[in-house]
Amino acid sequence: MTGVPQVDFALDTYECIVLYPGAAGRALPAETVQRLQAEHLTHMQALQRRGIILIAGSVDGPAREPDPPIGFGLARTGSVDDVRSVMEADPAIQAGLYRVDVMTFLCPAGSLEFPLVKTQT
C-alpha cells in the first residue's frame, strides 16, 4: 500500500513497530542474550514512560519463514523516521539480537485506546 487510502471516514495514523530476530542472535552466548533482553525491556519501558511508545509486546504463533515477527508495538509521534531512530538506539537491536521495521499504520479514527498511557500521564 502506498499513501493514504481513500475512505469516507477519518483515519488515525500511528507508527507500527515490528521486531524480528536479528542476524547475530543465534551466535550470541546465552548470558549475552539475557542481558540484551533485559536492556531491551528497559529501553522499551523508558520509551513508553516518555510517551513515544503507546503499546508494545511479544507476539507468538505459527512461524512465518524466513523471519517470524517476535514483537509488535505502536507509537504516535507523526514520524516513522523518529520512531525508527529511537528503536535503533535499543541495545538489543544495536547488538544484532533483534532487527526492527517501522511503518505507518492507519485505522478508523477513535478505534484504539491506550488506557495505560492515560493513567501514566
C-alpha atoms as a PDB file:
ATOM      1  CA  MET A   1       0.000   0.000   0.000  1.00  0.00           C
ATOM      2  CA  THR A   2       1.292   3.401  -0.886  1.00  0.00           C
ATOM      3  CA  GLY A   3      -0.194   6.569   0.501  1.00  0.00           C
ATOM      4  CA  VAL A   4      -3.372   7.114   2.458  1.00  0.00           C
ATOM      5  CA  PRO A   5      -6.387   5.038   1.378  1.00  0.00           C
ATOM      6  CA  GLN A   6      -9.354   6.982   0.059  1.00  0.00           C
ATOM      7  CA  VAL A   7     -12.141   6.283   2.539  1.00  0.00           C
ATOM      8  CA  ASP A   8     -15.217   8.194   3.626  1.00  0.00           C
ATOM      9  CA  PHE A   9     -14.261   8.298   7.309  1.00  0.00           C
ATOM     10  CA  ALA A  10     -11.460   9.806   9.367  1.00  0.00           C
ATOM     11  CA  LEU A  11      -8.265   7.863   9.971  1.00  0.00           C
ATOM     12  CA  ASP A  12      -5.827   7.873  12.858  1.00  0.00           C
ATOM     13  CA  THR A  13      -2.170   7.442  11.978  1.00  0.00           C
ATOM     14  CA  TYR A  14       0.336   5.523  14.095  1.00  0.00           C
ATOM     15  CA  GLU A  15       3.828   4.192  13.630  1.00  0.00           C
ATOM     16  CA  CYS A  16       3.803   0.390  13.643  1.00  0.00           C
ATOM     17  CA  ILE A  17       6.918  -1.253  15.089  1.00  0.00           C
ATOM     18  CA  VAL A  18       7.673  -4.859  14.143  1.00  0.00           C
ATOM     19  CA  LEU A  19      10.565  -6.666  15.803  1.00  0.00           C
ATOM     20  CA  TYR A  20      12.273  -9.666  14.194  1.00  0.00           C
ATOM     21  CA  PRO A  21      15.106 -11.953  15.252  1.00  0.00           C
ATOM     22  CA  GLY A  22      18.432 -10.367  14.350  1.00  0.00           C
ATOM     23  CA  ALA A  23      21.244 -11.918  12.360  1.00  0.00           C
ATOM     24  CA  ALA A  24      23.581 -12.127  15.365  1.00  0.00           C
ATOM     25  CA  GLY A  25      21.006 -13.617  17.731  1.00  0.00           C
ATOM     26  CA  ARG A  26      21.874 -17.280  17.226  1.00  0.00           C
ATOM     27  CA  ALA A  27      25.601 -16.681  17.639  1.00  0.00           C
ATOM     28  CA  LEU A  28      25.406 -14.768  20.912  1.00  0.00           C
ATOM     29  CA  PRO A  29      26.111 -16.571  24.209  1.00  0.00           C
ATOM     30  CA  ALA A  30      23.040 -17.224  26.386  1.00  0.00           C
ATOM     31  CA  GLU A  31      24.169 -14.794  29.087  1.00  0.00           C
ATOM     32  CA  THR A  32      24.598 -12.043  26.483  1.00  0.00           C
ATOM     33  CA  VAL A  33      21.116 -12.734  25.125  1.00  0.00           C
ATOM     34  CA  GLN A  34      19.636 -12.475  28.633  1.00  0.00           C
ATOM     35  CA  ARG A  35      21.464  -9.204  29.295  1.00  0.00           C
ATOM     36  CA  LEU A  36      20.365  -7.745  25.947  1.00  0.00           C
ATOM     37  CA  GLN A  37      16.755  -8.810  26.503  1.00  0.00           C
ATOM     38  CA  ALA A  38      16.779  -7.048  29.887  1.00  0.00           C
ATOM     39  CA  GLU A  39      18.294  -3.931  28.294  1.00  0.00           C
ATOM     40  CA  HIS A  40      15.668  -4.096  25.536  1.00  0.00           C
ATOM     41  CA  LEU A  41      12.860  -4.172  28.115  1.00  0.00           C
ATOM     42  CA  THR A  42      14.388  -1.232  29.975  1.00  0.00           C
ATOM     43  CA  HIS A  43      14.687   0.716  26.704  1.00  0.00           C
ATOM     44  CA  MET A  44      11.076  -0.005  25.738  1.00  0.00           C
ATOM     45  CA  GLN A  45       9.761   0.917  29.194  1.00  0.00           C
ATOM     46  CA  ALA A  46      11.646   4.215  29.026  1.00  0.00           C
ATOM     47  CA  LEU A  47      10.121   4.969  25.609  1.00  0.00           C
ATOM     48  CA  GLN A  48       6.684   4.171  26.992  1.00  0.00           C
ATOM     49  CA  ARG A  49       7.210   6.433  30.021  1.00  0.00           C
ATOM     50  CA  ARG A  50       8.264   9.230  27.642  1.00  0.00           C
ATOM     51  CA  GLY A  51       5.028   8.732  25.682  1.00  0.00           C
ATOM     52  CA  ILE A  52       6.763   7.640  22.489  1.00  0.00           C
ATOM     53  CA  ILE A  53       5.584   4.027  22.571  1.00  0.00           C
ATOM     54  CA  LEU A  54       1.871   3.583  23.267  1.00  0.00           C
ATOM     55  CA  ILE A  55       1.906  -0.188  23.499  1.00  0.00           C
ATOM     56  CA  ALA A  56       4.432  -2.937  22.843  1.00  0.00           C
ATOM     57  CA  GLY A  57       4.714  -6.636  23.471  1.00  0.00           C
ATOM     58  CA  SER A  58       5.742 -10.028  22.196  1.00  0.00           C
ATOM     59  CA  VAL A  59       3.911 -11.983  19.533  1.00  0.00           C
ATOM     60  CA  ASP A  60       3.646 -15.742  19.316  1.00  0.00           C
ATOM     61  CA  GLY A  61       2.108 -18.010  16.777  1.00  0.00           C
ATOM     62  CA  PRO A  62       2.872 -20.067  13.710  1.00  0.00           C
ATOM     63  CA  ALA A  63       6.234 -19.060  12.330  1.00  0.00           C
ATOM     64  CA  ARG A  64       6.328 -17.182   9.079  1.00  0.00           C
ATOM     65  CA  GLU A  65       9.508 -18.098   7.298  1.00  0.00           C
ATOM     66  CA  PRO A  66      12.159 -16.922   6.998  1.00  0.00           C
ATOM     67  CA  ASP A  67      11.628 -14.161   9.598  1.00  0.00           C
ATOM     68  CA  PRO A  68       8.803 -14.642  12.077  1.00  0.00           C
ATOM     69  CA  PRO A  69       7.957 -11.409  13.879  1.00  0.00           C
ATOM     70  CA  ILE A  70       8.606 -11.626  17.611  1.00  0.00           C
ATOM     71  CA  GLY A  71       7.362  -8.243  18.799  1.00  0.00           C
ATOM     72  CA  PHE A  72       4.906  -5.525  17.878  1.00  0.00           C
ATOM     73  CA  GLY A  73       4.249  -2.009  19.053  1.00  0.00           C
ATOM     74  CA  LEU A  74       2.513   1.225  18.199  1.00  0.00           C
ATOM     75  CA  ALA A  75       3.746   4.770  18.578  1.00  0.00           C
ATOM     76  CA  ARG A  76       2.165   8.079  17.681  1.00  0.00           C
ATOM     77  CA  THR A  77       4.822  10.681  17.056  1.00  0.00           C
ATOM     78  CA  GLY A  78       3.955  11.631  13.491  1.00  0.00           C
ATOM     79  CA  SER A  79       7.308  10.407  12.192  1.00  0.00           C
ATOM     80  CA  VAL A  80       8.294   6.912  11.102  1.00  0.00           C
ATOM     81  CA  ASP A  81      11.904   8.117  10.927  1.00  0.00           C
ATOM     82  CA  ASP A  82      11.865   9.392  14.524  1.00  0.00           C
ATOM     83  CA  VAL A  83      10.463   6.112  15.823  1.00  0.00           C
ATOM     84  CA  ARG A  84      12.962   4.129  13.753  1.00  0.00           C
ATOM     85  CA  SER A  85      15.752   6.250  15.245  1.00  0.00           C
ATOM     86  CA  VAL A  86      14.754   5.634  18.874  1.00  0.00           C
ATOM     87  CA  MET A  87      14.241   1.948  18.156  1.00  0.00           C
ATOM     88  CA  GLU A  88      17.654   1.642  16.518  1.00  0.00           C
ATOM     89  CA  ALA A  89      19.135   3.024  19.752  1.00  0.00           C
ATOM     90  CA  ASP A  90      17.879  -0.131  21.535  1.00  0.00           C
ATOM     91  CA  PRO A  91      20.944  -2.079  22.771  1.00  0.00           C
ATOM     92  CA  ALA A  92      19.468  -5.401  21.568  1.00  0.00           C
ATOM     93  CA  ILE A  93      18.981  -4.008  18.072  1.00  0.00           C
ATOM     94  CA  GLN A  94      22.459  -2.463  18.029  1.00  0.00           C
ATOM     95  CA  ALA A  95      23.943  -5.838  19.050  1.00  0.00           C
ATOM     96  CA  GLY A  96      22.020  -7.688  16.328  1.00  0.00           C
ATOM     97  CA  LEU A  97      19.830  -9.744  18.674  1.00  0.00           C
ATOM     98  CA  TYR A  98      16.786  -8.108  17.058  1.00  0.00           C
ATOM     99  CA  ARG A  99      16.087  -6.071  13.957  1.00  0.00           C
ATOM    100  CA  VAL A 100      13.254  -3.603  13.577  1.00  0.00           C
ATOM    101  CA  ASP A 101      10.962  -2.326  10.878  1.00  0.00           C
ATOM    102  CA  VAL A 102       8.790   0.759  11.347  1.00  0.00           C
ATOM    103  CA  MET A 103       5.919   1.643   9.043  1.00  0.00           C
ATOM    104  CA  THR A 104       2.728   3.669   9.036  1.00  0.00           C
ATOM    105  CA  PHE A 105      -0.424   2.080  10.452  1.00  0.00           C
ATOM    106  CA  LEU A 106      -3.835   3.578   9.649  1.00  0.00           C
ATOM    107  CA  CYS A 107      -7.124   2.728  11.320  1.00  0.00           C
ATOM    108  CA  PRO A 108     -10.557   4.298  11.766  1.00  0.00           C
ATOM    109  CA  ALA A 109     -10.294   7.388  13.953  1.00  0.00           C
ATOM    110  CA  GLY A 110     -11.017   6.740  17.604  1.00  0.00           C
ATOM    111  CA  SER A 111     -10.943   2.946  17.269  1.00  0.00           C
ATOM    112  CA  LEU A 112      -7.914   2.461  19.535  1.00  0.00           C
ATOM    113  CA  GLU A 113      -7.470   3.441  23.157  1.00  0.00           C
ATOM    114  CA  PHE A 114      -4.437   3.075  25.390  1.00  0.00           C
ATOM    115  CA  PRO A 115      -5.661   3.166  28.999  1.00  0.00           C
ATOM    116  CA  LEU A 116      -2.206   2.544  30.468  1.00  0.00           C
ATOM    117  CA  VAL A 117      -0.883   5.622  28.696  1.00  0.00           C
ATOM    118  CA  LYS A 118      -3.727   7.710  30.112  1.00  0.00           C
ATOM    119  CA  THR A 119      -3.070   6.564  33.681  1.00  0.00           C
ATOM    120  CA  GLN A 120       0.670   7.225  33.429  1.00  0.00           C
ATOM    121  CA  THR A 121       0.324  10.842  32.288  1.00  0.00           C
END
